[in-house]
Amino acid sequence: MIDIWQEIYSTIKRNKLRTFLTGFAVAWGIFMLIVLLGAGNGLIHAFEESSSERALNSIKIYPGWTSKSYDGLKEGRKIQLDNKDLRITDTRFPDYVIKAGASIWQGTVTISFGSEYASVGLAGVFPNHIEIETIKLFKGRFINETDIKERRKVIVLHKKTAEILFHKTHTEPIGQFVNMGNVAYRVVGLCNDKGDSGEKPALIPFSTLQTIYN
């Protein structure tokens, strides 16, 4: 055993540069392995954190363009989804679809209350929107089925938007009417997205947005 250690020592002593480079290479490899493992775990945790409040059994379908010709029609045809597609998805596949919903974006609009105003995105949504997206109800209620059926002019604001509109006057937002163009909407709820970052759209019933904006 002593002879083996003496041989190792003498070899290292005779080849100092090679020994140093070998040791450096091994140490660098271990360091990079630790960094990559740490980065991989960090990405996994970040994904789990961002999707922890999102329904993992949900899928979104967007309209697009066909990539192949079919039945004499050329490729590149635009696919436009409508309410009929929503009803078919919701009713004809009971073994596979728990509930279907939809959302449409109107773009940026100006919401005002008195002399205060804010420019935000506007979306028309269904009641199950809050179950699918990373949205938390902060105060009041969310859009319900009655709002959809009766095309009510109600709105759910992000709490940051509500602060801009109501903070200076110390007004309780719930129950107040805000103006959007020539239409007044009653505030029924305040929401807060996870992490309080990203898009902060105002939400109104899907059917209301379809009716008002054609």
N, C-alpha and C. Protein backbone atom coordinates (compact mmCIF):
# COMPACT_ATOMS: atom_id res chain seq x y z
N MET A 1 0.82 -1.20 0.00
CA MET A 1 0.00 0.00 0.00
C MET A 1 0.86 1.26 0.00
N ILE A 2 1.96 1.19 0.81
CA ILE A 2 2.87 2.34 0.87
C ILE A 2 3.54 2.55 -0.47
N ASP A 3 3.84 1.45 -1.13
CA ASP A 3 4.50 1.55 -2.45
C ASP A 3 3.58 2.24 -3.46
N ILE A 4 2.30 1.94 -3.37
CA ILE A 4 1.35 2.56 -4.32
C ILE A 4 1.30 4.07 -4.11
N TRP A 5 1.22 4.50 -2.85
CA TRP A 5 1.17 5.92 -2.57
C TRP A 5 2.48 6.61 -2.98
N GLN A 6 3.62 5.92 -2.77
CA GLN A 6 4.89 6.51 -3.18
C GLN A 6 4.96 6.67 -4.70
N GLU A 7 4.41 5.68 -5.41
CA GLU A 7 4.41 5.76 -6.88
C GLU A 7 3.53 6.89 -7.36
N ILE A 8 2.36 7.07 -6.71
CA ILE A 8 1.46 8.16 -7.08
C ILE A 8 2.12 9.51 -6.83
N TYR A 9 2.79 9.63 -5.68
CA TYR A 9 3.46 10.88 -5.33
C TYR A 9 4.57 11.22 -6.31
N SER A 10 5.34 10.22 -6.66
CA SER A 10 6.44 10.46 -7.59
C SER A 10 5.93 10.83 -8.99
N THR A 11 4.81 10.21 -9.39
CA THR A 11 4.23 10.54 -10.69
C THR A 11 3.73 11.97 -10.71
N ILE A 12 3.06 12.37 -9.65
CA ILE A 12 2.57 13.75 -9.56
C ILE A 12 3.73 14.73 -9.56
N LYS A 13 4.78 14.40 -8.84
CA LYS A 13 5.94 15.28 -8.75
C LYS A 13 6.62 15.46 -10.09
N ARG A 14 6.67 14.38 -10.90
CA ARG A 14 7.33 14.45 -12.20
C ARG A 14 6.47 15.16 -13.25
N ASN A 15 5.13 15.15 -13.06
CA ASN A 15 4.22 15.74 -14.07
C ASN A 15 3.31 16.77 -13.40
N LYS A 16 3.90 17.86 -12.92
CA LYS A 16 3.14 18.85 -12.17
C LYS A 16 2.08 19.55 -13.03
N LEU A 17 2.48 19.93 -14.26
CA LEU A 17 1.54 20.64 -15.13
C LEU A 17 0.35 19.77 -15.50
N ARG A 18 0.64 18.50 -15.88
CA ARG A 18 -0.44 17.61 -16.25
C ARG A 18 -1.37 17.34 -15.08
N THR A 19 -0.78 17.23 -13.90
CA THR A 19 -1.59 16.99 -12.71
C THR A 19 -2.49 18.19 -12.40
N PHE A 20 -1.91 19.38 -12.55
CA PHE A 20 -2.69 20.60 -12.31
C PHE A 20 -3.84 20.72 -13.30
N LEU A 21 -3.54 20.49 -14.58
CA LEU A 21 -4.59 20.61 -15.60
C LEU A 21 -5.69 19.56 -15.41
N THR A 22 -5.29 18.34 -15.03
CA THR A 22 -6.28 17.30 -14.78
C THR A 22 -7.18 17.66 -13.61
N GLY A 23 -6.57 18.13 -12.53
CA GLY A 23 -7.35 18.53 -11.36
C GLY A 23 -8.27 19.70 -11.67
N PHE A 24 -7.76 20.66 -12.45
CA PHE A 24 -8.58 21.81 -12.82
C PHE A 24 -9.77 21.38 -13.67
N ALA A 25 -9.52 20.47 -14.62
CA ALA A 25 -10.59 20.00 -15.49
C ALA A 25 -11.67 19.28 -14.69
N VAL A 26 -11.27 18.45 -13.74
CA VAL A 26 -12.24 17.73 -12.92
C VAL A 26 -13.04 18.70 -12.06
N ALA A 27 -12.33 19.67 -11.44
CA ALA A 27 -13.02 20.65 -10.60
C ALA A 27 -13.99 21.50 -11.41
N TRP A 28 -13.57 21.90 -12.63
CA TRP A 28 -14.44 22.70 -13.49
C TRP A 28 -15.67 21.91 -13.91
N GLY A 29 -15.47 20.64 -14.22
CA GLY A 29 -16.59 19.79 -14.60
C GLY A 29 -17.60 19.66 -13.48
N ILE A 30 -17.12 19.46 -12.25
CA ILE A 30 -18.02 19.36 -11.09
C ILE A 30 -18.76 20.67 -10.87
N PHE A 31 -18.02 21.79 -11.03
CA PHE A 31 -18.63 23.11 -10.85
C PHE A 31 -19.75 23.33 -11.87
N MET A 32 -19.48 23.02 -13.14
CA MET A 32 -20.48 23.21 -14.18
C MET A 32 -21.68 22.29 -13.96
N LEU A 33 -21.44 21.06 -13.48
CA LEU A 33 -22.53 20.14 -13.19
C LEU A 33 -23.45 20.71 -12.13
N ILE A 34 -22.84 21.29 -11.08
CA ILE A 34 -23.64 21.88 -10.00
C ILE A 34 -24.44 23.07 -10.52
N VAL A 35 -23.80 23.91 -11.35
CA VAL A 35 -24.49 25.08 -11.90
C VAL A 35 -25.66 24.66 -12.77
N LEU A 36 -25.45 23.68 -13.66
CA LEU A 36 -26.51 23.23 -14.55
C LEU A 36 -27.67 22.58 -13.78
N LEU A 37 -27.33 21.77 -12.77
CA LEU A 37 -28.37 21.16 -11.95
C LEU A 37 -29.18 22.23 -11.21
N GLY A 38 -28.46 23.23 -10.69
CA GLY A 38 -29.15 24.31 -9.99
C GLY A 38 -30.05 25.10 -10.91
N ALA A 39 -29.54 25.40 -12.14
CA ALA A 39 -30.35 26.14 -13.10
C ALA A 39 -31.57 25.34 -13.53
N GLY A 40 -31.38 24.02 -13.74
CA GLY A 40 -32.50 23.17 -14.13
C GLY A 40 -33.57 23.11 -13.06
N ASN A 41 -33.15 22.95 -11.81
CA ASN A 41 -34.12 22.92 -10.71
C ASN A 41 -34.82 24.26 -10.56
N GLY A 42 -34.06 25.36 -10.79
CA GLY A 42 -34.66 26.68 -10.72
C GLY A 42 -35.74 26.88 -11.76
N LEU A 43 -35.49 26.41 -13.00
CA LEU A 43 -36.50 26.52 -14.05
C LEU A 43 -37.73 25.68 -13.72
N ILE A 44 -37.50 24.49 -13.17
CA ILE A 44 -38.62 23.62 -12.81
C ILE A 44 -39.49 24.29 -11.74
N HIS A 45 -38.84 24.84 -10.71
CA HIS A 45 -39.58 25.49 -9.63
C HIS A 45 -40.31 26.73 -10.14
N ALA A 46 -39.64 27.48 -11.05
CA ALA A 46 -40.28 28.68 -11.60
C ALA A 46 -41.53 28.31 -12.40
N PHE A 47 -41.44 27.23 -13.19
CA PHE A 47 -42.61 26.79 -13.97
C PHE A 47 -43.72 26.32 -13.04
N GLU A 48 -43.37 25.55 -12.02
CA GLU A 48 -44.38 25.08 -11.08
C GLU A 48 -45.04 26.24 -10.35
N GLU A 49 -44.24 27.26 -10.02
CA GLU A 49 -44.78 28.42 -9.32
C GLU A 49 -45.73 29.20 -10.21
N SER A 50 -45.34 29.38 -11.48
CA SER A 50 -46.17 30.18 -12.39
C SER A 50 -47.45 29.46 -12.78
N SER A 51 -47.43 28.13 -12.75
CA SER A 51 -48.61 27.37 -13.18
C SER A 51 -49.37 26.75 -12.01
N SER A 52 -48.96 27.06 -10.78
CA SER A 52 -49.58 26.41 -9.63
C SER A 52 -51.04 26.82 -9.47
N GLU A 53 -51.40 28.04 -9.90
CA GLU A 53 -52.77 28.51 -9.77
C GLU A 53 -53.57 28.31 -11.05
N ARG A 54 -52.95 27.78 -12.08
CA ARG A 54 -53.62 27.60 -13.36
C ARG A 54 -54.17 26.19 -13.47
N ALA A 55 -55.32 26.04 -14.07
CA ALA A 55 -55.90 24.71 -14.25
C ALA A 55 -55.04 23.90 -15.22
N LEU A 56 -54.45 22.82 -14.72
CA LEU A 56 -53.53 22.03 -15.54
C LEU A 56 -54.27 21.11 -16.50
N ASN A 57 -55.57 20.94 -16.33
CA ASN A 57 -56.34 20.10 -17.26
C ASN A 57 -57.10 20.97 -18.27
N SER A 58 -56.55 22.15 -18.55
CA SER A 58 -57.19 23.06 -19.50
C SER A 58 -56.36 23.18 -20.78
N ILE A 59 -57.03 23.53 -21.85
CA ILE A 59 -56.38 23.73 -23.13
C ILE A 59 -57.01 24.92 -23.83
N LYS A 60 -56.19 25.72 -24.50
CA LYS A 60 -56.68 26.87 -25.24
C LYS A 60 -56.57 26.60 -26.73
N ILE A 61 -57.60 27.01 -27.45
CA ILE A 61 -57.62 26.84 -28.90
C ILE A 61 -57.76 28.22 -29.53
N TYR A 62 -56.85 28.52 -30.46
CA TYR A 62 -56.86 29.80 -31.14
C TYR A 62 -57.17 29.60 -32.63
N PRO A 63 -57.86 30.55 -33.26
CA PRO A 63 -58.06 30.45 -34.70
C PRO A 63 -56.75 30.65 -35.44
N GLY A 64 -56.70 30.18 -36.67
CA GLY A 64 -55.46 30.30 -37.43
C GLY A 64 -55.74 30.12 -38.91
N TRP A 65 -54.78 29.51 -39.61
CA TRP A 65 -54.90 29.29 -41.04
C TRP A 65 -54.61 27.83 -41.35
N THR A 66 -55.30 27.30 -42.34
CA THR A 66 -55.09 25.91 -42.72
C THR A 66 -53.73 25.75 -43.40
N SER A 67 -53.09 24.62 -43.16
CA SER A 67 -51.78 24.34 -43.77
C SER A 67 -51.87 23.38 -44.94
N LYS A 68 -53.07 22.78 -45.15
CA LYS A 68 -53.24 21.83 -46.24
C LYS A 68 -54.53 22.13 -47.01
N SER A 69 -54.54 21.76 -48.27
CA SER A 69 -55.75 21.90 -49.07
C SER A 69 -56.72 20.78 -48.70
N TYR A 70 -58.02 21.04 -48.84
CA TYR A 70 -59.03 20.05 -48.47
C TYR A 70 -60.28 20.26 -49.30
N ASP A 71 -60.77 19.17 -49.88
CA ASP A 71 -62.05 19.15 -50.60
C ASP A 71 -62.10 20.26 -51.67
N GLY A 72 -61.01 20.42 -52.38
CA GLY A 72 -60.94 21.40 -53.45
C GLY A 72 -60.60 22.81 -53.00
N LEU A 73 -60.47 23.03 -51.70
CA LEU A 73 -60.12 24.35 -51.16
C LEU A 73 -58.62 24.44 -50.94
N LYS A 74 -58.07 25.59 -51.19
CA LYS A 74 -56.62 25.77 -51.08
C LYS A 74 -56.19 25.89 -49.61
N GLU A 75 -54.89 25.68 -49.39
CA GLU A 75 -54.34 25.91 -48.06
C GLU A 75 -54.26 27.42 -47.79
N GLY A 76 -54.07 27.76 -46.55
CA GLY A 76 -53.99 29.18 -46.18
C GLY A 76 -55.33 29.82 -45.90
N ARG A 77 -56.40 29.01 -45.80
CA ARG A 77 -57.71 29.57 -45.48
C ARG A 77 -57.78 29.93 -44.00
N LYS A 78 -58.37 31.07 -43.69
CA LYS A 78 -58.46 31.52 -42.30
C LYS A 78 -59.58 30.78 -41.59
N ILE A 79 -59.28 30.28 -40.39
CA ILE A 79 -60.28 29.61 -39.55
C ILE A 79 -60.80 30.63 -38.53
N GLN A 80 -62.08 30.84 -38.52
CA GLN A 80 -62.69 31.79 -37.60
C GLN A 80 -63.62 31.05 -36.65
N LEU A 81 -63.33 31.08 -35.36
CA LEU A 81 -64.18 30.44 -34.37
C LEU A 81 -65.37 31.34 -34.04
N ASP A 82 -66.52 30.74 -33.77
CA ASP A 82 -67.70 31.52 -33.39
C ASP A 82 -68.44 30.84 -32.25
N ASN A 83 -69.58 31.39 -31.87
CA ASN A 83 -70.33 30.87 -30.73
C ASN A 83 -70.80 29.43 -30.96
N LYS A 84 -71.04 29.06 -32.22
CA LYS A 84 -71.47 27.70 -32.51
C LYS A 84 -70.38 26.70 -32.13
N ASP A 85 -69.13 27.05 -32.40
CA ASP A 85 -68.02 26.16 -32.02
C ASP A 85 -67.95 25.99 -30.51
N LEU A 86 -68.24 27.06 -29.79
CA LEU A 86 -68.23 26.99 -28.33
C LEU A 86 -69.33 26.06 -27.82
N ARG A 87 -70.54 26.20 -28.38
CA ARG A 87 -71.66 25.35 -27.95
C ARG A 87 -71.39 23.88 -28.27
N ILE A 88 -70.84 23.61 -29.45
CA ILE A 88 -70.55 22.23 -29.84
C ILE A 88 -69.52 21.62 -28.89
N THR A 89 -68.47 22.38 -28.60
CA THR A 89 -67.42 21.88 -27.70
C THR A 89 -67.98 21.60 -26.31
N ASP A 90 -68.89 22.44 -25.87
CA ASP A 90 -69.42 22.33 -24.51
C ASP A 90 -70.44 21.21 -24.36
N THR A 91 -71.12 20.82 -25.44
CA THR A 91 -72.23 19.88 -25.31
C THR A 91 -72.00 18.50 -25.92
N ARG A 92 -71.17 18.41 -26.93
CA ARG A 92 -71.05 17.16 -27.67
C ARG A 92 -69.95 16.22 -27.19
N PHE A 93 -69.16 16.64 -26.24
CA PHE A 93 -68.06 15.80 -25.77
C PHE A 93 -68.08 15.70 -24.25
N PRO A 94 -69.17 15.19 -23.67
CA PRO A 94 -69.29 15.15 -22.21
C PRO A 94 -68.25 14.27 -21.52
N ASP A 95 -67.71 13.27 -22.24
CA ASP A 95 -66.72 12.39 -21.64
C ASP A 95 -65.33 13.01 -21.60
N TYR A 96 -65.12 14.08 -22.33
CA TYR A 96 -63.79 14.66 -22.45
C TYR A 96 -63.71 16.13 -22.02
N VAL A 97 -64.83 16.83 -22.09
CA VAL A 97 -64.83 18.25 -21.78
C VAL A 97 -65.67 18.51 -20.54
N ILE A 98 -65.06 19.04 -19.50
CA ILE A 98 -65.79 19.37 -18.28
C ILE A 98 -66.62 20.63 -18.49
N LYS A 99 -65.99 21.67 -19.01
CA LYS A 99 -66.67 22.93 -19.24
C LYS A 99 -65.89 23.71 -20.28
N ALA A 100 -66.61 24.34 -21.20
CA ALA A 100 -65.98 25.17 -22.22
C ALA A 100 -66.28 26.63 -21.95
N GLY A 101 -65.33 27.47 -22.30
CA GLY A 101 -65.50 28.91 -22.16
C GLY A 101 -64.78 29.60 -23.29
N ALA A 102 -64.79 30.91 -23.27
CA ALA A 102 -64.12 31.66 -24.32
C ALA A 102 -63.76 33.05 -23.80
N SER A 103 -62.87 33.69 -24.49
CA SER A 103 -62.51 35.07 -24.16
C SER A 103 -62.19 35.80 -25.46
N ILE A 104 -62.53 37.06 -25.51
CA ILE A 104 -62.21 37.90 -26.66
C ILE A 104 -61.63 39.22 -26.15
N TRP A 105 -60.66 39.72 -26.90
CA TRP A 105 -59.98 40.95 -26.52
C TRP A 105 -60.41 42.08 -27.43
N GLN A 106 -60.76 43.20 -26.83
CA GLN A 106 -61.14 44.38 -27.58
C GLN A 106 -59.95 45.29 -27.83
N GLY A 107 -58.90 45.14 -27.05
CA GLY A 107 -57.75 46.03 -27.15
C GLY A 107 -57.73 47.01 -26.00
N THR A 108 -57.00 48.08 -26.15
CA THR A 108 -56.86 49.07 -25.08
C THR A 108 -58.01 50.06 -25.10
N VAL A 109 -58.60 50.29 -23.93
CA VAL A 109 -59.70 51.23 -23.79
C VAL A 109 -59.39 52.19 -22.64
N THR A 110 -60.11 53.28 -22.58
CA THR A 110 -59.95 54.26 -21.51
C THR A 110 -61.15 54.17 -20.57
N ILE A 111 -60.87 53.91 -19.30
CA ILE A 111 -61.92 53.82 -18.27
C ILE A 111 -61.80 55.05 -17.38
N SER A 112 -62.91 55.71 -17.10
CA SER A 112 -62.86 56.92 -16.29
C SER A 112 -63.85 56.86 -15.14
N PHE A 113 -63.49 57.57 -14.08
CA PHE A 113 -64.37 57.76 -12.93
C PHE A 113 -64.13 59.18 -12.44
N GLY A 114 -65.11 60.06 -12.67
CA GLY A 114 -64.90 61.46 -12.35
C GLY A 114 -63.81 62.03 -13.26
N SER A 115 -62.80 62.63 -12.65
CA SER A 115 -61.69 63.22 -13.42
C SER A 115 -60.53 62.25 -13.59
N GLU A 116 -60.63 61.08 -12.98
CA GLU A 116 -59.55 60.10 -13.07
C GLU A 116 -59.82 59.12 -14.21
N TYR A 117 -58.76 58.66 -14.85
CA TYR A 117 -58.93 57.71 -15.95
C TYR A 117 -57.70 56.80 -16.03
N ALA A 118 -57.90 55.66 -16.68
CA ALA A 118 -56.81 54.68 -16.85
C ALA A 118 -57.02 53.98 -18.19
N SER A 119 -55.93 53.70 -18.86
CA SER A 119 -55.96 52.97 -20.13
C SER A 119 -55.56 51.52 -19.87
N VAL A 120 -56.46 50.61 -20.13
CA VAL A 120 -56.21 49.19 -19.86
C VAL A 120 -56.75 48.35 -21.01
N GLY A 121 -56.36 47.09 -21.04
CA GLY A 121 -56.94 46.16 -21.99
C GLY A 121 -58.32 45.75 -21.54
N LEU A 122 -59.16 45.41 -22.50
CA LEU A 122 -60.53 45.00 -22.19
C LEU A 122 -60.76 43.61 -22.76
N ALA A 123 -61.30 42.72 -21.93
CA ALA A 123 -61.56 41.36 -22.37
C ALA A 123 -62.97 40.94 -21.97
N GLY A 124 -63.62 40.20 -22.84
CA GLY A 124 -64.90 39.59 -22.53
C GLY A 124 -64.67 38.13 -22.17
N VAL A 125 -65.15 37.71 -21.00
CA VAL A 125 -64.84 36.37 -20.51
C VAL A 125 -66.08 35.67 -19.98
N PHE A 126 -65.92 34.37 -19.74
CA PHE A 126 -66.97 33.55 -19.13
C PHE A 126 -66.65 33.38 -17.63
N PRO A 127 -67.61 32.92 -16.85
CA PRO A 127 -67.37 32.75 -15.41
C PRO A 127 -66.21 31.82 -15.08
N ASN A 128 -65.96 30.80 -15.92
CA ASN A 128 -64.88 29.87 -15.61
C ASN A 128 -63.50 30.42 -15.93
N HIS A 129 -63.44 31.66 -16.40
CA HIS A 129 -62.13 32.29 -16.70
C HIS A 129 -61.26 32.35 -15.45
N ILE A 130 -61.90 32.61 -14.30
CA ILE A 130 -61.14 32.73 -13.06
C ILE A 130 -60.61 31.39 -12.58
N GLU A 131 -61.22 30.28 -13.03
CA GLU A 131 -60.76 28.95 -12.65
C GLU A 131 -59.57 28.49 -13.50
N ILE A 132 -59.42 29.08 -14.67
CA ILE A 132 -58.39 28.64 -15.60
C ILE A 132 -57.14 29.50 -15.49
N GLU A 133 -57.31 30.81 -15.39
CA GLU A 133 -56.18 31.73 -15.37
C GLU A 133 -55.70 31.98 -13.95
N THR A 134 -54.52 32.59 -13.87
CA THR A 134 -53.93 32.90 -12.56
C THR A 134 -54.50 34.22 -12.03
N ILE A 135 -55.80 34.21 -11.78
CA ILE A 135 -56.49 35.40 -11.29
C ILE A 135 -57.10 35.09 -9.93
N LYS A 136 -56.90 35.98 -9.00
CA LYS A 136 -57.49 35.86 -7.68
C LYS A 136 -58.48 36.99 -7.45
N LEU A 137 -59.67 36.64 -6.98
CA LEU A 137 -60.67 37.65 -6.68
C LEU A 137 -60.26 38.36 -5.40
N PHE A 138 -60.08 39.66 -5.49
CA PHE A 138 -59.59 40.45 -4.35
C PHE A 138 -60.74 40.98 -3.50
N LYS A 139 -61.83 41.35 -4.16
CA LYS A 139 -63.00 41.90 -3.44
C LYS A 139 -64.21 41.80 -4.36
N GLY A 140 -65.39 41.67 -3.76
CA GLY A 140 -66.60 41.60 -4.55
C GLY A 140 -66.80 40.22 -5.17
N ARG A 141 -67.32 40.17 -6.36
CA ARG A 141 -67.61 38.90 -7.04
C ARG A 141 -67.06 38.93 -8.45
N PHE A 142 -67.07 37.75 -9.08
CA PHE A 142 -66.64 37.64 -10.47
C PHE A 142 -67.87 37.61 -11.37
N ILE A 143 -67.66 37.63 -12.64
CA ILE A 143 -68.74 37.53 -13.61
C ILE A 143 -69.44 36.19 -13.48
N ASN A 144 -70.78 36.18 -13.51
CA ASN A 144 -71.53 34.93 -13.34
C ASN A 144 -72.39 34.63 -14.57
N GLU A 145 -73.11 33.52 -14.51
CA GLU A 145 -73.91 33.08 -15.64
C GLU A 145 -75.05 34.06 -15.95
N THR A 146 -75.61 34.68 -14.92
CA THR A 146 -76.68 35.65 -15.14
C THR A 146 -76.16 36.85 -15.92
N ASP A 147 -74.95 37.29 -15.61
CA ASP A 147 -74.34 38.40 -16.36
C ASP A 147 -74.23 38.04 -17.83
N ILE A 148 -73.85 36.78 -18.10
CA ILE A 148 -73.71 36.34 -19.49
C ILE A 148 -75.07 36.31 -20.19
N LYS A 149 -76.08 35.72 -19.55
CA LYS A 149 -77.39 35.57 -20.18
C LYS A 149 -78.07 36.91 -20.42
N GLU A 150 -77.96 37.81 -19.45
CA GLU A 150 -78.65 39.10 -19.55
C GLU A 150 -77.79 40.19 -20.16
N ARG A 151 -76.57 39.85 -20.54
CA ARG A 151 -75.65 40.82 -21.15
C ARG A 151 -75.51 42.06 -20.27
N ARG A 152 -75.31 41.83 -19.00
CA ARG A 152 -75.22 42.94 -18.06
C ARG A 152 -73.96 43.77 -18.28
N LYS A 153 -74.08 45.05 -18.00
CA LYS A 153 -72.94 45.97 -18.11
C LYS A 153 -72.24 46.04 -16.75
N VAL A 154 -71.57 44.96 -16.42
CA VAL A 154 -70.79 44.89 -15.18
C VAL A 154 -69.33 44.68 -15.54
N ILE A 155 -68.45 45.04 -14.62
CA ILE A 155 -67.03 44.98 -14.92
C ILE A 155 -66.24 44.56 -13.68
N VAL A 156 -65.21 43.78 -13.90
CA VAL A 156 -64.26 43.40 -12.85
C VAL A 156 -62.94 44.09 -13.17
N LEU A 157 -62.47 44.92 -12.25
CA LEU A 157 -61.23 45.67 -12.46
C LEU A 157 -60.07 45.03 -11.72
N HIS A 158 -58.88 45.24 -12.24
CA HIS A 158 -57.68 44.88 -11.49
C HIS A 158 -57.52 45.88 -10.34
N LYS A 159 -56.99 45.43 -9.23
CA LYS A 159 -56.92 46.32 -8.06
C LYS A 159 -56.03 47.53 -8.32
N LYS A 160 -55.01 47.39 -9.19
CA LYS A 160 -54.17 48.53 -9.53
C LYS A 160 -54.95 49.57 -10.31
N THR A 161 -55.81 49.12 -11.21
CA THR A 161 -56.67 50.05 -11.95
C THR A 161 -57.63 50.75 -11.01
N ALA A 162 -58.18 50.00 -10.06
CA ALA A 162 -59.11 50.59 -9.09
C ALA A 162 -58.42 51.65 -8.24
N GLU A 163 -57.15 51.41 -7.89
CA GLU A 163 -56.42 52.40 -7.10
C GLU A 163 -56.25 53.71 -7.88
N ILE A 164 -55.99 53.60 -9.18
CA ILE A 164 -55.84 54.80 -10.00
C ILE A 164 -57.14 55.59 -10.06
N LEU A 165 -58.26 54.88 -10.20
CA LEU A 165 -59.54 55.55 -10.38
C LEU A 165 -60.17 56.06 -9.09
N PHE A 166 -59.98 55.33 -7.98
CA PHE A 166 -60.75 55.63 -6.77
C PHE A 166 -59.93 56.09 -5.57
N HIS A 167 -58.60 55.97 -5.64
CA HIS A 167 -57.79 56.23 -4.45
C HIS A 167 -57.88 57.70 -3.99
N LYS A 168 -57.80 58.62 -4.93
CA LYS A 168 -57.76 60.05 -4.56
C LYS A 168 -59.04 60.50 -3.87
N THR A 169 -60.16 59.92 -4.27
CA THR A 169 -61.43 60.32 -3.66
C THR A 169 -61.84 59.41 -2.50
N HIS A 170 -61.01 58.42 -2.20
CA HIS A 170 -61.28 57.48 -1.11
C HIS A 170 -62.67 56.84 -1.26
N THR A 171 -62.97 56.46 -2.49
CA THR A 171 -64.27 55.87 -2.80
C THR A 171 -64.17 54.36 -2.84
N GLU A 172 -65.15 53.69 -2.26
CA GLU A 172 -65.21 52.23 -2.34
C GLU A 172 -65.60 51.85 -3.77
N PRO A 173 -64.74 51.10 -4.49
CA PRO A 173 -65.01 50.80 -5.90
C PRO A 173 -66.25 49.96 -6.15
N ILE A 174 -66.50 48.97 -5.29
CA ILE A 174 -67.61 48.05 -5.53
C ILE A 174 -68.94 48.80 -5.53
N GLY A 175 -69.69 48.64 -6.61
CA GLY A 175 -70.99 49.30 -6.74
C GLY A 175 -70.94 50.61 -7.49
N GLN A 176 -69.74 51.15 -7.71
CA GLN A 176 -69.62 52.40 -8.46
C GLN A 176 -69.73 52.15 -9.96
N PHE A 177 -70.05 53.21 -10.70
CA PHE A 177 -70.14 53.13 -12.16
C PHE A 177 -68.94 53.83 -12.78
N VAL A 178 -68.30 53.13 -13.70
CA VAL A 178 -67.18 53.71 -14.45
C VAL A 178 -67.62 53.84 -15.91
N ASN A 179 -67.04 54.81 -16.58
CA ASN A 179 -67.42 55.07 -17.97
C ASN A 179 -66.35 54.54 -18.92
N MET A 180 -66.83 53.95 -19.99
CA MET A 180 -65.96 53.45 -21.04
C MET A 180 -66.60 53.86 -22.36
N GLY A 181 -66.11 54.95 -22.93
CA GLY A 181 -66.78 55.51 -24.09
C GLY A 181 -68.10 56.10 -23.66
N ASN A 182 -69.18 55.66 -24.29
CA ASN A 182 -70.51 56.16 -23.94
C ASN A 182 -71.29 55.16 -23.09
N VAL A 183 -70.60 54.17 -22.56
CA VAL A 183 -71.27 53.12 -21.80
C VAL A 183 -70.78 53.15 -20.35
N ALA A 184 -71.71 53.02 -19.41
CA ALA A 184 -71.37 52.98 -17.99
C ALA A 184 -71.44 51.53 -17.50
N TYR A 185 -70.43 51.12 -16.77
CA TYR A 185 -70.36 49.76 -16.23
C TYR A 185 -70.31 49.83 -14.71
N ARG A 186 -71.04 48.94 -14.07
CA ARG A 186 -71.02 48.87 -12.61
C ARG A 186 -69.90 47.92 -12.16
N VAL A 187 -69.07 48.38 -11.27
CA VAL A 187 -67.95 47.58 -10.76
C VAL A 187 -68.49 46.56 -9.77
N VAL A 188 -68.32 45.28 -10.07
CA VAL A 188 -68.82 44.23 -9.19
C VAL A 188 -67.69 43.48 -8.48
N GLY A 189 -66.46 43.64 -8.94
CA GLY A 189 -65.37 42.91 -8.30
C GLY A 189 -64.02 43.50 -8.64
N LEU A 190 -63.05 43.17 -7.78
CA LEU A 190 -61.65 43.54 -8.01
C LEU A 190 -60.83 42.26 -8.01
N CYS A 191 -59.92 42.15 -8.95
CA CYS A 191 -59.11 40.95 -9.05
C CYS A 191 -57.63 41.30 -8.95
N ASN A 192 -56.85 40.28 -8.75
CA ASN A 192 -55.41 40.45 -8.58
C ASN A 192 -54.73 39.24 -9.19
N ASP A 193 -53.91 39.45 -10.24
CA ASP A 193 -53.23 38.32 -10.85
C ASP A 193 -52.10 37.86 -9.94
N LYS A 194 -51.65 36.60 -10.09
CA LYS A 194 -50.60 36.03 -9.24
C LYS A 194 -49.30 36.78 -9.49
N GLY A 195 -48.69 37.28 -8.43
CA GLY A 195 -47.45 38.01 -8.57
C GLY A 195 -47.68 39.49 -8.85
N ASP A 196 -48.96 39.87 -9.07
CA ASP A 196 -49.31 41.27 -9.29
C ASP A 196 -48.48 41.88 -10.40
N SER A 197 -48.34 41.17 -11.52
CA SER A 197 -47.53 41.67 -12.63
C SER A 197 -48.18 41.28 -13.94
N GLY A 198 -47.63 41.80 -15.03
CA GLY A 198 -48.12 41.45 -16.36
C GLY A 198 -49.37 42.23 -16.72
N GLU A 199 -50.19 41.64 -17.59
CA GLU A 199 -51.39 42.31 -18.07
C GLU A 199 -52.39 42.51 -16.93
N LYS A 200 -53.05 43.67 -16.94
CA LYS A 200 -54.07 43.98 -15.93
C LYS A 200 -55.34 44.41 -16.64
N PRO A 201 -55.97 43.50 -17.38
CA PRO A 201 -57.15 43.88 -18.17
C PRO A 201 -58.38 44.07 -17.30
N ALA A 202 -59.32 44.86 -17.83
CA ALA A 202 -60.65 44.94 -17.25
C ALA A 202 -61.49 43.84 -17.89
N LEU A 203 -62.31 43.17 -17.09
CA LEU A 203 -63.07 42.02 -17.55
C LEU A 203 -64.56 42.31 -17.51
N ILE A 204 -65.24 42.05 -18.62
CA ILE A 204 -66.69 42.20 -18.69
C ILE A 204 -67.27 40.90 -19.25
N PRO A 205 -68.59 40.68 -19.14
CA PRO A 205 -69.17 39.46 -19.68
C PRO A 205 -68.91 39.30 -21.18
N PHE A 206 -68.65 38.08 -21.57
CA PHE A 206 -68.35 37.76 -22.97
C PHE A 206 -69.45 38.26 -23.90
N SER A 207 -70.71 37.98 -23.53
CA SER A 207 -71.84 38.37 -24.36
C SER A 207 -72.01 39.89 -24.43
N THR A 208 -71.67 40.59 -23.35
CA THR A 208 -71.78 42.04 -23.34
C THR A 208 -70.79 42.67 -24.32
N LEU A 209 -69.57 42.19 -24.30
CA LEU A 209 -68.57 42.72 -25.22
C LEU A 209 -68.97 42.44 -26.67
N GLN A 210 -69.48 41.24 -26.93
CA GLN A 210 -69.93 40.92 -28.29
C GLN A 210 -71.04 41.87 -28.73
N THR A 211 -71.98 42.17 -27.85
CA THR A 211 -73.11 43.01 -28.21
C THR A 211 -72.69 44.46 -28.44
N ILE A 212 -71.91 45.00 -27.53
CA ILE A 212 -71.55 46.42 -27.59
C ILE A 212 -70.57 46.70 -28.73
N TYR A 213 -69.60 45.81 -28.91
CA TYR A 213 -68.58 46.05 -29.93
C TYR A 213 -68.83 45.25 -31.21
N ASN A 214 -70.01 44.65 -31.32
CA ASN A 214 -70.39 43.92 -32.52
C ASN A 214 -69.35 42.86 -32.89
